[in-house]
């Protein structure tokens, strides 16, 4: 079954749930990192910023894959029936 072109396949649903929860964790981890006081003794390079961003994304993805929050989001999205939107088989 398709709802506006999005498959209700369980794998796609799990991938979307992991991606959603991963973004939540990323924002949380970034806020936590930004709350640490910074000092100008050793200036930060753009490569270090890039590496830190990639590292935070990877941490958040790993945390989302192991989190029960992902299962709750997946269950919540899987139970939704959108009857007012056009559906196609």
Protein backbone atom coordinates (compact mmCIF):
# COMPACT_ATOMS: atom_id res chain seq x y z
CA UNK A 1 0.00 0.00 0.00
CA UNK A 2 1.23 3.49 -0.83
CA UNK A 3 0.23 6.75 0.81
CA UNK A 4 1.31 9.64 -1.40
CA UNK A 5 4.12 7.55 -2.84
CA UNK A 6 5.61 6.49 0.48
CA UNK A 7 5.77 2.75 0.96
CA UNK A 8 4.44 1.32 4.20
CA UNK A 9 7.16 -1.30 4.06
CA UNK A 10 8.48 -2.07 7.54
CA UNK A 11 12.11 -1.50 6.50
CA UNK A 12 11.34 1.95 5.12
CA UNK A 13 9.39 2.73 8.27
CA UNK A 14 12.29 1.65 10.47
CA UNK A 15 14.78 3.66 8.39
CA UNK A 16 12.60 6.75 8.61
CA UNK A 17 12.19 6.29 12.38
CA UNK A 18 15.94 5.89 12.88
CA UNK A 19 16.59 9.00 10.78
CA UNK A 20 14.04 11.04 12.74
CA UNK A 21 15.33 9.96 16.16
CA UNK A 22 18.90 10.41 14.94
CA UNK A 23 18.17 14.06 14.17
CA UNK A 24 16.72 14.52 17.65
CA UNK A 25 19.82 12.99 19.24
CA UNK A 26 22.07 15.09 17.00
CA UNK A 27 20.43 18.30 18.16
CA UNK A 28 20.73 17.14 21.77
CA UNK A 29 24.42 16.19 21.41
CA UNK A 30 25.21 19.45 19.59
CA UNK A 31 23.56 21.53 22.31
CA UNK A 32 25.49 19.58 24.93
CA UNK A 33 28.78 20.18 23.10
CA UNK A 34 28.02 23.87 22.55
CA UNK A 35 27.42 24.31 26.29
CA UNK A 36 31.07 23.45 27.04
CA UNK A 37 33.15 26.61 27.61
CA UNK A 38 35.59 27.29 24.74
CA UNK A 39 39.04 28.84 25.09
CA UNK A 40 41.14 30.61 22.45
CA UNK A 41 44.44 29.06 23.52
CA UNK A 42 44.37 26.67 20.56
CA UNK A 43 42.19 27.93 17.71
CA UNK A 44 39.78 25.45 16.15
CA UNK A 45 40.25 24.68 12.46
CA UNK A 46 37.52 24.03 9.92
CA UNK A 47 38.72 20.41 9.67
CA UNK A 48 38.16 19.95 13.40
CA UNK A 49 34.65 21.43 13.14
CA UNK A 50 33.88 19.18 10.17
CA UNK A 51 35.18 16.10 11.99
CA UNK A 52 33.20 16.96 15.14
CA UNK A 53 29.98 17.39 13.13
CA UNK A 54 30.50 14.04 11.41
CA UNK A 55 31.31 12.40 14.75
CA UNK A 56 28.16 13.82 16.35
CA UNK A 57 26.09 12.55 13.41
CA UNK A 58 27.61 9.09 13.77
CA UNK A 59 27.06 9.05 17.55
CA UNK A 60 23.44 10.11 17.09
CA UNK A 61 22.81 7.45 14.42
CA UNK A 62 24.27 4.71 16.63
CA UNK A 63 22.26 5.94 19.62
CA UNK A 64 19.06 6.05 17.54
CA UNK A 65 19.54 2.48 16.29
CA UNK A 66 19.80 1.22 19.87
CA UNK A 67 17.16 3.46 21.41
CA UNK A 68 13.70 2.36 22.46
CA UNK A 69 12.54 5.79 21.30
CA UNK A 70 13.03 4.60 17.71
CA UNK A 71 10.76 1.63 18.37
CA UNK A 72 8.13 3.93 19.87
CA UNK A 73 8.27 6.27 16.86
CA UNK A 74 8.09 3.32 14.47
CA UNK A 75 5.10 1.88 16.31
CA UNK A 76 3.38 5.26 16.36
CA UNK A 77 3.94 5.86 12.65
CA UNK A 78 2.93 2.31 11.76
CA UNK A 79 -0.42 2.60 13.47
CA UNK A 80 -1.45 5.84 11.74
CA UNK A 81 -4.16 5.50 9.14
CA UNK A 82 -4.47 8.58 6.99
CA UNK A 83 -7.92 8.31 5.48
CA UNK A 84 -8.27 11.92 4.37
CA UNK A 85 -5.27 11.76 2.01
CA UNK A 86 -5.56 10.13 -1.40
CA UNK A 87 -4.28 6.56 -1.34
CA UNK A 88 -3.19 4.38 -4.21
CA UNK A 89 -2.37 0.71 -4.46
